[in-house]
């Protein structure tokens, strides 16, 4: 909501693109790395516990968060390296797919 109303301000201070040393970008990079490290630790810890079971949706959510972090950081790093093709490909992969339902597929 804050970003939406920032368009009404004269200089649009909240909307990017921002300089690489901006504190918002630093925070986003720290959160992105924490997402990747945290989901990696969750995968490792859940795989090590053989006496507990995790359902399909648990693993789906963990791998979804991990994939979001990896493709998001990959998109940023390839954009900074000026690899336009890989950057666009990484953004396409990380884009959310809505209403994807294969349960009613005709075989």
PDB file of N, CA and C in Angstrom:
ATOM      1  N   UNK A   1       0.817  -1.170   0.000  1.00  0.00           N
ATOM      2  CA  UNK A   1       0.000   0.000   0.000  1.00  0.00           C
ATOM      3  C   UNK A   1       0.880   1.259   0.000  1.00  0.00           C
ATOM      4  N   UNK A   2       1.984   1.171   0.737  1.00  0.00           N
ATOM      5  CA  UNK A   2       2.894   2.300   0.773  1.00  0.00           C
ATOM      6  C   UNK A   2       3.479   2.567  -0.611  1.00  0.00           C
ATOM      7  N   UNK A   3       3.805   1.486  -1.327  1.00  0.00           N
ATOM      8  CA  UNK A   3       4.344   1.645  -2.678  1.00  0.00           C
ATOM      9  C   UNK A   3       3.295   2.246  -3.606  1.00  0.00           C
ATOM     10  N   UNK A   4       2.049   1.844  -3.451  1.00  0.00           N
ATOM     11  CA  UNK A   4       0.987   2.386  -4.295  1.00  0.00           C
ATOM     12  C   UNK A   4       0.851   3.893  -4.104  1.00  0.00           C
ATOM     13  N   UNK A   5       0.808   4.330  -2.852  1.00  0.00           N
ATOM     14  CA  UNK A   5       0.644   5.759  -2.582  1.00  0.00           C
ATOM     15  C   UNK A   5       1.906   6.560  -2.867  1.00  0.00           C
ATOM     16  N   UNK A   6       3.051   5.899  -2.988  1.00  0.00           N
ATOM     17  CA  UNK A   6       4.276   6.635  -3.302  1.00  0.00           C
ATOM     18  C   UNK A   6       4.226   7.212  -4.714  1.00  0.00           C
ATOM     19  N   UNK A   7       3.399   6.663  -5.578  1.00  0.00           N
ATOM     20  CA  UNK A   7       3.257   7.213  -6.926  1.00  0.00           C
ATOM     21  C   UNK A   7       2.606   8.603  -6.906  1.00  0.00           C
ATOM     22  N   UNK A   8       1.902   8.902  -5.837  1.00  0.00           N
ATOM     23  CA  UNK A   8       1.258  10.206  -5.730  1.00  0.00           C
ATOM     24  C   UNK A   8       2.228  11.303  -5.294  1.00  0.00           C
ATOM     25  N   UNK A   9       3.381  10.908  -4.735  1.00  0.00           N
ATOM     26  CA  UNK A   9       4.366  11.889  -4.301  1.00  0.00           C
ATOM     27  C   UNK A   9       5.087  12.463  -5.513  1.00  0.00           C
ATOM     28  N   UNK A  10       5.592  13.680  -5.423  1.00  0.00           N
ATOM     29  CA  UNK A  10       6.171  14.337  -6.608  1.00  0.00           C
ATOM     30  C   UNK A  10       7.392  13.639  -7.190  1.00  0.00           C
ATOM     31  N   UNK A  11       8.294  13.143  -6.358  1.00  0.00           N
ATOM     32  CA  UNK A  11       9.524  12.533  -6.887  1.00  0.00           C
ATOM     33  C   UNK A  11       9.500  11.019  -6.851  1.00  0.00           C
ATOM     34  N   UNK A  12       8.416  10.412  -6.366  1.00  0.00           N
ATOM     35  CA  UNK A  12       8.280   8.956  -6.268  1.00  0.00           C
ATOM     36  C   UNK A  12       9.485   8.344  -5.566  1.00  0.00           C
ATOM     37  N   UNK A  13       9.700   8.652  -4.265  1.00  0.00           N
ATOM     38  CA  UNK A  13      10.923   8.229  -3.595  1.00  0.00           C
ATOM     39  C   UNK A  13      10.994   6.749  -3.252  1.00  0.00           C
ATOM     40  N   UNK A  14       9.870   6.062  -3.232  1.00  0.00           N
ATOM     41  CA  UNK A  14       9.887   4.677  -2.773  1.00  0.00           C
ATOM     42  C   UNK A  14      10.076   3.706  -3.927  1.00  0.00           C
ATOM     43  N   UNK A  15       9.578   4.027  -5.079  1.00  0.00           N
ATOM     44  CA  UNK A  15       9.684   3.128  -6.216  1.00  0.00           C
ATOM     45  C   UNK A  15      11.097   3.161  -6.787  1.00  0.00           C
ATOM     46  N   UNK A  16      11.634   1.991  -7.201  1.00  0.00           N
ATOM     47  CA  UNK A  16      12.999   1.878  -7.707  1.00  0.00           C
ATOM     48  C   UNK A  16      13.139   2.423  -9.100  1.00  0.00           C
ATOM     49  N   UNK A  17      14.212   2.218  -9.768  1.00  0.00           N
ATOM     50  CA  UNK A  17      15.395   1.459  -9.348  1.00  0.00           C
ATOM     51  C   UNK A  17      16.256   2.239  -8.359  1.00  0.00           C
ATOM     52  N   UNK A  18      16.860   1.504  -7.450  1.00  0.00           N
ATOM     53  CA  UNK A  18      17.678   2.098  -6.414  1.00  0.00           C
ATOM     54  C   UNK A  18      19.144   1.788  -6.649  1.00  0.00           C
ATOM     55  N   UNK A  19      19.991   2.624  -6.073  1.00  0.00           N
ATOM     56  CA  UNK A  19      21.429   2.429  -6.108  1.00  0.00           C
ATOM     57  C   UNK A  19      21.770   1.159  -5.323  1.00  0.00           C
ATOM     58  N   UNK A  20      22.828   0.464  -5.685  1.00  0.00           N
ATOM     59  CA  UNK A  20      23.160  -0.823  -5.075  1.00  0.00           C
ATOM     60  C   UNK A  20      23.507  -0.730  -3.586  1.00  0.00           C
ATOM     61  N   UNK A  21      23.899   0.430  -3.114  1.00  0.00           N
ATOM     62  CA  UNK A  21      24.234   0.572  -1.696  1.00  0.00           C
ATOM     63  C   UNK A  21      23.052   1.060  -0.857  1.00  0.00           C
ATOM     64  N   UNK A  22      21.863   1.031  -1.413  1.00  0.00           N
ATOM     65  CA  UNK A  22      20.662   1.445  -0.697  1.00  0.00           C
ATOM     66  C   UNK A  22      20.352   0.429   0.406  1.00  0.00           C
ATOM     67  N   UNK A  23      19.882   0.919   1.538  1.00  0.00           N
ATOM     68  CA  UNK A  23      19.607   0.037   2.677  1.00  0.00           C
ATOM     69  C   UNK A  23      18.478  -0.945   2.392  1.00  0.00           C
ATOM     70  N   UNK A  24      17.533  -0.586   1.538  1.00  0.00           N
ATOM     71  CA  UNK A  24      16.450  -1.505   1.167  1.00  0.00           C
ATOM     72  C   UNK A  24      17.018  -2.704   0.406  1.00  0.00           C
ATOM     73  N   UNK A  25      17.952  -2.453  -0.500  1.00  0.00           N
ATOM     74  CA  UNK A  25      18.564  -3.557  -1.242  1.00  0.00           C
ATOM     75  C   UNK A  25      19.396  -4.441  -0.328  1.00  0.00           C
ATOM     76  N   UNK A  26      20.099  -3.829   0.627  1.00  0.00           N
ATOM     77  CA  UNK A  26      20.874  -4.632   1.586  1.00  0.00           C
ATOM     78  C   UNK A  26      19.940  -5.533   2.390  1.00  0.00           C
ATOM     79  N   UNK A  27      18.850  -4.984   2.850  1.00  0.00           N
ATOM     80  CA  UNK A  27      17.881  -5.764   3.613  1.00  0.00           C
ATOM     81  C   UNK A  27      17.301  -6.895   2.766  1.00  0.00           C
ATOM     82  N   UNK A  28      16.965  -6.604   1.522  1.00  0.00           N
ATOM     83  CA  UNK A  28      16.412  -7.635   0.637  1.00  0.00           C
ATOM     84  C   UNK A  28      17.435  -8.742   0.372  1.00  0.00           C
ATOM     85  N   UNK A  29      18.700  -8.388   0.205  1.00  0.00           N
ATOM     86  CA  UNK A  29      19.731  -9.403  -0.006  1.00  0.00           C
ATOM     87  C   UNK A  29      19.930 -10.264   1.227  1.00  0.00           C
ATOM     88  N   UNK A  30      19.902  -9.654   2.407  1.00  0.00           N
ATOM     89  CA  UNK A  30      20.043 -10.427   3.647  1.00  0.00           C
ATOM     90  C   UNK A  30      18.863 -11.383   3.815  1.00  0.00           C
ATOM     91  N   UNK A  31      17.667 -10.903   3.522  1.00  0.00           N
ATOM     92  CA  UNK A  31      16.481 -11.752   3.629  1.00  0.00           C
ATOM     93  C   UNK A  31      16.526 -12.884   2.596  1.00  0.00           C
ATOM     94  N   UNK A  32      16.995 -12.592   1.383  1.00  0.00           N
ATOM     95  CA  UNK A  32      17.107 -13.630   0.362  1.00  0.00           C
ATOM     96  C   UNK A  32      18.085 -14.721   0.741  1.00  0.00           C
ATOM     97  N   UNK A  33      19.229 -14.330   1.267  1.00  0.00           N
ATOM     98  CA  UNK A  33      20.219 -15.325   1.712  1.00  0.00           C
ATOM     99  C   UNK A  33      19.678 -16.107   2.906  1.00  0.00           C
ATOM    100  N   UNK A  34      19.001 -15.423   3.826  1.00  0.00           N
ATOM    101  CA  UNK A  34      18.413 -16.110   4.977  1.00  0.00           C
ATOM    102  C   UNK A  34      17.344 -17.109   4.543  1.00  0.00           C
ATOM    103  N   UNK A  35      16.585 -16.781   3.510  1.00  0.00           N
ATOM    104  CA  UNK A  35      15.572 -17.700   2.989  1.00  0.00           C
ATOM    105  C   UNK A  35      16.221 -18.962   2.430  1.00  0.00           C
ATOM    106  N   UNK A  36      17.288 -18.794   1.675  1.00  0.00           N
ATOM    107  CA  UNK A  36      17.972 -19.952   1.097  1.00  0.00           C
ATOM    108  C   UNK A  36      18.624 -20.804   2.186  1.00  0.00           C
ATOM    109  N   UNK A  37      19.323 -20.160   3.118  1.00  0.00           N
ATOM    110  CA  UNK A  37      19.996 -20.896   4.190  1.00  0.00           C
ATOM    111  C   UNK A  37      18.967 -21.566   5.103  1.00  0.00           C
ATOM    112  N   UNK A  38      17.906 -20.854   5.454  1.00  0.00           N
ATOM    113  CA  UNK A  38      16.894 -21.413   6.336  1.00  0.00           C
ATOM    114  C   UNK A  38      16.170 -22.607   5.745  1.00  0.00           C
ATOM    115  N   UNK A  39      15.800 -22.524   4.488  1.00  0.00           N
ATOM    116  CA  UNK A  39      15.118 -23.669   3.870  1.00  0.00           C
ATOM    117  C   UNK A  39      16.086 -24.829   3.654  1.00  0.00           C
ATOM    118  N   UNK A  40      17.351 -24.531   3.397  1.00  0.00           N
ATOM    119  CA  UNK A  40      18.347 -25.608   3.279  1.00  0.00           C
ATOM    120  C   UNK A  40      18.493 -26.346   4.611  1.00  0.00           C
ATOM    121  N   UNK A  41      18.531 -25.599   5.705  1.00  0.00           N
ATOM    122  CA  UNK A  41      18.615 -26.231   7.022  1.00  0.00           C
ATOM    123  C   UNK A  41      17.348 -27.022   7.333  1.00  0.00           C
ATOM    124  N   UNK A  42      16.188 -26.529   6.915  1.00  0.00           N
ATOM    125  CA  UNK A  42      14.949 -27.275   7.134  1.00  0.00           C
ATOM    126  C   UNK A  42      14.955 -28.585   6.363  1.00  0.00           C
ATOM    127  N   UNK A  43      15.432 -28.553   5.130  1.00  0.00           N
ATOM    128  CA  UNK A  43      15.509 -29.783   4.325  1.00  0.00           C
ATOM    129  C   UNK A  43      16.459 -30.776   4.980  1.00  0.00           C
ATOM    130  N   UNK A  44      17.602 -30.283   5.424  1.00  0.00           N
ATOM    131  CA  UNK A  44      18.596 -31.154   6.062  1.00  0.00           C
ATOM    132  C   UNK A  44      18.046 -31.765   7.348  1.00  0.00           C
ATOM    133  N   UNK A  45      17.431 -30.949   8.199  1.00  0.00           N
ATOM    134  CA  UNK A  45      16.918 -31.443   9.479  1.00  0.00           C
ATOM    135  C   UNK A  45      15.743 -32.393   9.303  1.00  0.00           C
ATOM    136  N   UNK A  46      14.861 -32.101   8.375  1.00  0.00           N
ATOM    137  CA  UNK A  46      13.719 -32.994   8.157  1.00  0.00           C
ATOM    138  C   UNK A  46      14.143 -34.307   7.518  1.00  0.00           C
ATOM    139  N   UNK A  47      15.167 -34.268   6.686  1.00  0.00           N
ATOM    140  CA  UNK A  47      15.652 -35.511   6.072  1.00  0.00           C
ATOM    141  C   UNK A  47      16.372 -36.385   7.086  1.00  0.00           C
ATOM    142  N   UNK A  48      16.973 -35.781   8.096  1.00  0.00           N
ATOM    143  CA  UNK A  48      17.727 -36.538   9.095  1.00  0.00           C
ATOM    144  C   UNK A  48      16.812 -37.244  10.091  1.00  0.00           C
ATOM    145  N   UNK A  49      15.623 -36.746  10.306  1.00  0.00           N
ATOM    146  CA  UNK A  49      14.704 -37.334  11.289  1.00  0.00           C
ATOM    147  C   UNK A  49      13.895 -38.442  10.628  1.00  0.00           C
ATOM    148  N   UNK A  50      14.351 -39.669  10.832  1.00  0.00           N
ATOM    149  CA  UNK A  50      13.675 -40.818  10.218  1.00  0.00           C
ATOM    150  C   UNK A  50      12.456 -41.260  11.010  1.00  0.00           C
ATOM    151  N   UNK A  51      12.377 -40.896  12.313  1.00  0.00           N
ATOM    152  CA  UNK A  51      11.250 -41.324  13.127  1.00  0.00           C
ATOM    153  C   UNK A  51      10.013 -40.442  12.922  1.00  0.00           C
ATOM    154  N   UNK A  52      10.160 -39.297  12.267  1.00  0.00           N
ATOM    155  CA  UNK A  52       9.041 -38.415  11.992  1.00  0.00           C
ATOM    156  C   UNK A  52       8.744 -38.430  10.500  1.00  0.00           C
ATOM    157  N   UNK A  53       7.484 -38.263  10.173  1.00  0.00           N
ATOM    158  CA  UNK A  53       7.117 -38.235   8.759  1.00  0.00           C
ATOM    159  C   UNK A  53       6.642 -36.836   8.385  1.00  0.00           C
ATOM    160  N   UNK A  54       6.955 -36.440   7.184  1.00  0.00           N
ATOM    161  CA  UNK A  54       6.488 -35.168   6.640  1.00  0.00           C
ATOM    162  C   UNK A  54       5.643 -35.468   5.420  1.00  0.00           C
ATOM    163  N   UNK A  55       4.534 -34.780   5.329  1.00  0.00           N
ATOM    164  CA  UNK A  55       3.619 -34.990   4.218  1.00  0.00           C
ATOM    165  C   UNK A  55       4.081 -34.293   2.950  1.00  0.00           C
ATOM    166  N   UNK A  56       3.344 -34.559   1.899  1.00  0.00           N
ATOM    167  CA  UNK A  56       3.654 -33.980   0.594  1.00  0.00           C
ATOM    168  C   UNK A  56       3.617 -32.456   0.638  1.00  0.00           C
ATOM    169  N   UNK A  57       2.593 -31.907   1.286  1.00  0.00           N
ATOM    170  CA  UNK A  57       2.443 -30.455   1.302  1.00  0.00           C
ATOM    171  C   UNK A  57       3.527 -29.782   2.127  1.00  0.00           C
ATOM    172  N   UNK A  58       4.049 -30.463   3.158  1.00  0.00           N
ATOM    173  CA  UNK A  58       5.183 -29.915   3.914  1.00  0.00           C
ATOM    174  C   UNK A  58       6.400 -29.757   3.012  1.00  0.00           C
ATOM    175  N   UNK A  59       6.717 -30.818   2.287  1.00  0.00           N
ATOM    176  CA  UNK A  59       7.884 -30.773   1.401  1.00  0.00           C
ATOM    177  C   UNK A  59       7.657 -29.809   0.248  1.00  0.00           C
ATOM    178  N   UNK A  60       6.434 -29.749  -0.243  1.00  0.00           N
ATOM    179  CA  UNK A  60       6.109 -28.829  -1.333  1.00  0.00           C
ATOM    180  C   UNK A  60       6.354 -27.388  -0.910  1.00  0.00           C
ATOM    181  N   UNK A  61       5.892 -27.021   0.278  1.00  0.00           N
ATOM    182  CA  UNK A  61       6.077 -25.662   0.770  1.00  0.00           C
ATOM    183  C   UNK A  61       7.548 -25.334   0.991  1.00  0.00           C
ATOM    184  N   UNK A  62       8.295 -26.285   1.545  1.00  0.00           N
ATOM    185  CA  UNK A  62       9.727 -26.053   1.776  1.00  0.00           C
ATOM    186  C   UNK A  62      10.463 -25.875   0.457  1.00  0.00           C
ATOM    187  N   UNK A  63      10.209 -26.763  -0.497  1.00  0.00           N
ATOM    188  CA  UNK A  63      10.905 -26.648  -1.791  1.00  0.00           C
ATOM    189  C   UNK A  63      10.423 -25.429  -2.585  1.00  0.00           C
ATOM    190  N   UNK A  64       9.181 -25.023  -2.398  1.00  0.00           N
ATOM    191  CA  UNK A  64       8.690 -23.814  -3.042  1.00  0.00           C
ATOM    192  C   UNK A  64       9.428 -22.585  -2.509  1.00  0.00           C
ATOM    193  N   UNK A  65       9.601 -22.508  -1.192  1.00  0.00           N
ATOM    194  CA  UNK A  65      10.341 -21.386  -0.596  1.00  0.00           C
ATOM    195  C   UNK A  65      11.801 -21.420  -1.027  1.00  0.00           C
ATOM    196  N   UNK A  66      12.397 -22.605  -1.073  1.00  0.00           N
ATOM    197  CA  UNK A  66      13.793 -22.730  -1.502  1.00  0.00           C
ATOM    198  C   UNK A  66      13.940 -22.299  -2.964  1.00  0.00           C
ATOM    199  N   UNK A  67      13.038 -22.759  -3.810  1.00  0.00           N
ATOM    200  CA  UNK A  67      13.096 -22.386  -5.223  1.00  0.00           C
ATOM    201  C   UNK A  67      12.880 -20.899  -5.435  1.00  0.00           C
ATOM    202  N   UNK A  68      11.999 -20.304  -4.638  1.00  0.00           N
ATOM    203  CA  UNK A  68      11.777 -18.868  -4.724  1.00  0.00           C
ATOM    204  C   UNK A  68      13.048 -18.098  -4.374  1.00  0.00           C
ATOM    205  N   UNK A  69      13.722 -18.522  -3.317  1.00  0.00           N
ATOM    206  CA  UNK A  69      14.958 -17.853  -2.922  1.00  0.00           C
ATOM    207  C   UNK A  69      16.066 -18.009  -3.950  1.00  0.00           C
ATOM    208  N   UNK A  70      16.233 -19.218  -4.463  1.00  0.00           N
ATOM    209  CA  UNK A  70      17.311 -19.477  -5.431  1.00  0.00           C
ATOM    210  C   UNK A  70      17.065 -18.741  -6.742  1.00  0.00           C
ATOM    211  N   UNK A  71      15.844 -18.805  -7.256  1.00  0.00           N
ATOM    212  CA  UNK A  71      15.586 -18.134  -8.530  1.00  0.00           C
ATOM    213  C   UNK A  71      15.570 -16.620  -8.381  1.00  0.00           C
ATOM    214  N   UNK A  72      15.110 -16.121  -7.229  1.00  0.00           N
ATOM    215  CA  UNK A  72      15.133 -14.681  -7.001  1.00  0.00           C
ATOM    216  C   UNK A  72      16.551 -14.133  -6.911  1.00  0.00           C
ATOM    217  N   UNK A  73      17.410 -14.826  -6.146  1.00  0.00           N
ATOM    218  CA  UNK A  73      18.808 -14.393  -6.062  1.00  0.00           C
ATOM    219  C   UNK A  73      19.508 -14.605  -7.399  1.00  0.00           C
ATOM    220  N   UNK A  74      19.146 -15.667  -8.095  1.00  0.00           N
ATOM    221  CA  UNK A  74      19.734 -15.899  -9.418  1.00  0.00           C
ATOM    222  C   UNK A  74      19.354 -14.810 -10.402  1.00  0.00           C
ATOM    223  N   UNK A  75      18.120 -14.363 -10.341  1.00  0.00           N
ATOM    224  CA  UNK A  75      17.686 -13.273 -11.226  1.00  0.00           C
ATOM    225  C   UNK A  75      18.450 -11.996 -10.925  1.00  0.00           C
ATOM    226  N   UNK A  76      18.647 -11.712  -9.656  1.00  0.00           N
ATOM    227  CA  UNK A  76      19.379 -10.500  -9.303  1.00  0.00           C
ATOM    228  C   UNK A  76      20.844 -10.595  -9.714  1.00  0.00           C
ATOM    229  N   UNK A  77      21.478 -11.714  -9.438  1.00  0.00           N
ATOM    230  CA  UNK A  77      22.903 -11.844  -9.758  1.00  0.00           C
ATOM    231  C   UNK A  77      23.149 -11.850 -11.260  1.00  0.00           C
ATOM    232  N   UNK A  78      22.286 -12.499 -12.023  1.00  0.00           N
ATOM    233  CA  UNK A  78      22.478 -12.484 -13.478  1.00  0.00           C
ATOM    234  C   UNK A  78      22.178 -11.111 -14.063  1.00  0.00           C
ATOM    235  N   UNK A  79      21.259 -10.373 -13.440  1.00  0.00           N
ATOM    236  CA  UNK A  79      20.996  -8.999 -13.896  1.00  0.00           C
ATOM    237  C   UNK A  79      22.198  -8.107 -13.612  1.00  0.00           C
ATOM    238  N   UNK A  80      22.806  -8.269 -12.451  1.00  0.00           N
ATOM    239  CA  UNK A  80      23.988  -7.474 -12.118  1.00  0.00           C
ATOM    240  C   UNK A  80      25.179  -7.842 -12.996  1.00  0.00           C
ATOM    241  N   UNK A  81      25.250  -9.105 -13.418  1.00  0.00           N
ATOM    242  CA  UNK A  81      26.330  -9.538 -14.299  1.00  0.00           C
ATOM    243  C   UNK A  81      26.052  -9.176 -15.755  1.00  0.00           C
ATOM    244  N   UNK A  82      24.888  -8.584 -16.019  1.00  0.00           N
ATOM    245  CA  UNK A  82      24.466  -8.164 -17.355  1.00  0.00           C
ATOM    246  C   UNK A  82      24.312  -9.350 -18.307  1.00  0.00           C
ATOM    247  N   UNK A  83      23.776 -10.443 -17.789  1.00  0.00           N
ATOM    248  CA  UNK A  83      23.444 -11.611 -18.602  1.00  0.00           C
ATOM    249  C   UNK A  83      21.931 -11.594 -18.814  1.00  0.00           C
ATOM    250  N   UNK A  84      21.493 -10.872 -19.805  1.00  0.00           N
ATOM    251  CA  UNK A  84      20.070 -10.599 -20.005  1.00  0.00           C
ATOM    252  C   UNK A  84      19.262 -11.876 -20.220  1.00  0.00           C
ATOM    253  N   UNK A  85      19.762 -12.813 -21.009  1.00  0.00           N
ATOM    254  CA  UNK A  85      19.002 -14.033 -21.290  1.00  0.00           C
ATOM    255  C   UNK A  85      18.773 -14.838 -20.020  1.00  0.00           C
ATOM    256  N   UNK A  86      19.825 -15.049 -19.235  1.00  0.00           N
ATOM    257  CA  UNK A  86      19.694 -15.847 -18.020  1.00  0.00           C
ATOM    258  C   UNK A  86      18.845 -15.135 -16.976  1.00  0.00           C
ATOM    259  N   UNK A  87      18.936 -13.812 -16.947  1.00  0.00           N
ATOM    260  CA  UNK A  87      18.132 -13.042 -16.006  1.00  0.00           C
ATOM    261  C   UNK A  87      16.649 -13.183 -16.328  1.00  0.00           C
ATOM    262  N   UNK A  88      16.292 -13.053 -17.592  1.00  0.00           N
ATOM    263  CA  UNK A  88      14.886 -13.197 -17.995  1.00  0.00           C
ATOM    264  C   UNK A  88      14.401 -14.626 -17.744  1.00  0.00           C
ATOM    265  N   UNK A  89      15.239 -15.610 -18.016  1.00  0.00           N
ATOM    266  CA  UNK A  89      14.873 -17.005 -17.798  1.00  0.00           C
ATOM    267  C   UNK A  89      14.641 -17.281 -16.315  1.00  0.00           C
ATOM    268  N   UNK A  90      15.488 -16.727 -15.461  1.00  0.00           N
ATOM    269  CA  UNK A  90      15.333 -16.917 -14.026  1.00  0.00           C
ATOM    270  C   UNK A  90      14.072 -16.231 -13.510  1.00  0.00           C
ATOM    271  N   UNK A  91      13.743 -15.072 -14.051  1.00  0.00           N
ATOM    272  CA  UNK A  91      12.515 -14.393 -13.650  1.00  0.00           C
ATOM    273  C   UNK A  91      11.282 -15.162 -14.091  1.00  0.00           C
ATOM    274  N   UNK A  92      11.337 -15.777 -15.265  1.00  0.00           N
ATOM    275  CA  UNK A  92      10.206 -16.569 -15.744  1.00  0.00           C
ATOM    276  C   UNK A  92       9.991 -17.782 -14.855  1.00  0.00           C
ATOM    277  N   UNK A  93      11.079 -18.411 -14.435  1.00  0.00           N
ATOM    278  CA  UNK A  93      10.965 -19.579 -13.559  1.00  0.00           C
ATOM    279  C   UNK A  93      10.400 -19.181 -12.207  1.00  0.00           C
ATOM    280  N   UNK A  94      10.829 -18.038 -11.677  1.00  0.00           N
ATOM    281  CA  UNK A  94      10.389 -17.658 -10.336  1.00  0.00           C
ATOM    282  C   UNK A  94       9.015 -17.004 -10.322  1.00  0.00           C
ATOM    283  N   UNK A  95       8.442 -16.712 -11.473  1.00  0.00           N
ATOM    284  CA  UNK A  95       7.110 -16.111 -11.508  1.00  0.00           C
ATOM    285  C   UNK A  95       6.086 -17.122 -10.999  1.00  0.00           C
ATOM    286  N   UNK A  96       5.132 -16.683 -10.191  1.00  0.00           N
ATOM    287  CA  UNK A  96       4.150 -17.617  -9.641  1.00  0.00           C
ATOM    288  C   UNK A  96       3.194 -18.124 -10.715  1.00  0.00           C
ATOM    289  N   UNK A  97       2.869 -19.386 -10.613  1.00  0.00           N
ATOM    290  CA  UNK A  97       1.897 -20.005 -11.517  1.00  0.00           C
ATOM    291  C   UNK A  97       0.625 -20.217 -10.711  1.00  0.00           C
ATOM    292  N   UNK A  98      -0.442 -19.559 -11.113  1.00  0.00           N
ATOM    293  CA  UNK A  98      -1.695 -19.635 -10.367  1.00  0.00           C
ATOM    294  C   UNK A  98      -2.659 -20.619 -11.024  1.00  0.00           C
ATOM    295  N   UNK A  99      -3.461 -21.229 -10.180  1.00  0.00           N
ATOM    296  CA  UNK A  99      -4.524 -22.140 -10.602  1.00  0.00           C
ATOM    297  C   UNK A  99      -4.006 -23.277 -11.461  1.00  0.00           C
ATOM    298  N   UNK A 100      -2.893 -23.846 -11.070  1.00  0.00           N
ATOM    299  CA  UNK A 100      -2.331 -24.974 -11.794  1.00  0.00           C
ATOM    300  C   UNK A 100      -2.891 -26.245 -11.163  1.00  0.00           C
ATOM    301  N   UNK A 101      -3.811 -26.894 -11.840  1.00  0.00           N
ATOM    302  CA  UNK A 101      -4.483 -28.056 -11.284  1.00  0.00           C
ATOM    303  C   UNK A 101      -4.475 -29.173 -12.316  1.00  0.00           C
ATOM    304  N   UNK A 102      -3.733 -30.247 -11.993  1.00  0.00           N
ATOM    305  CA  UNK A 102      -3.657 -31.388 -12.890  1.00  0.00           C
ATOM    306  C   UNK A 102      -4.565 -32.531 -12.450  1.00  0.00           C
ATOM    307  N   UNK A 103      -5.377 -32.311 -11.412  1.00  0.00           N
ATOM    308  CA  UNK A 103      -6.203 -33.393 -10.894  1.00  0.00           C
ATOM    309  C   UNK A 103      -7.355 -33.740 -11.836  1.00  0.00           C
ATOM    310  N   UNK A 104      -7.783 -32.824 -12.669  1.00  0.00           N
ATOM    311  CA  UNK A 104      -8.893 -33.081 -13.572  1.00  0.00           C
ATOM    312  C   UNK A 104      -8.424 -33.357 -15.003  1.00  0.00           C
ATOM    313  N   UNK A 105      -7.174 -33.742 -15.111  1.00  0.00           N
ATOM    314  CA  UNK A 105      -6.600 -33.977 -16.427  1.00  0.00           C
ATOM    315  C   UNK A 105      -7.214 -35.226 -17.068  1.00  0.00           C
ATOM    316  N   UNK A 106      -7.544 -35.147 -18.322  1.00  0.00           N
ATOM    317  CA  UNK A 106      -8.107 -36.296 -19.042  1.00  0.00           C
ATOM    318  C   UNK A 106      -6.950 -37.134 -19.560  1.00  0.00           C
ATOM    319  N   UNK A 107      -6.966 -38.422 -19.222  1.00  0.00           N
ATOM    320  CA  UNK A 107      -5.865 -39.288 -19.668  1.00  0.00           C
ATOM    321  C   UNK A 107      -6.290 -40.203 -20.778  1.00  0.00           C
TER     322      UNK A 107
END
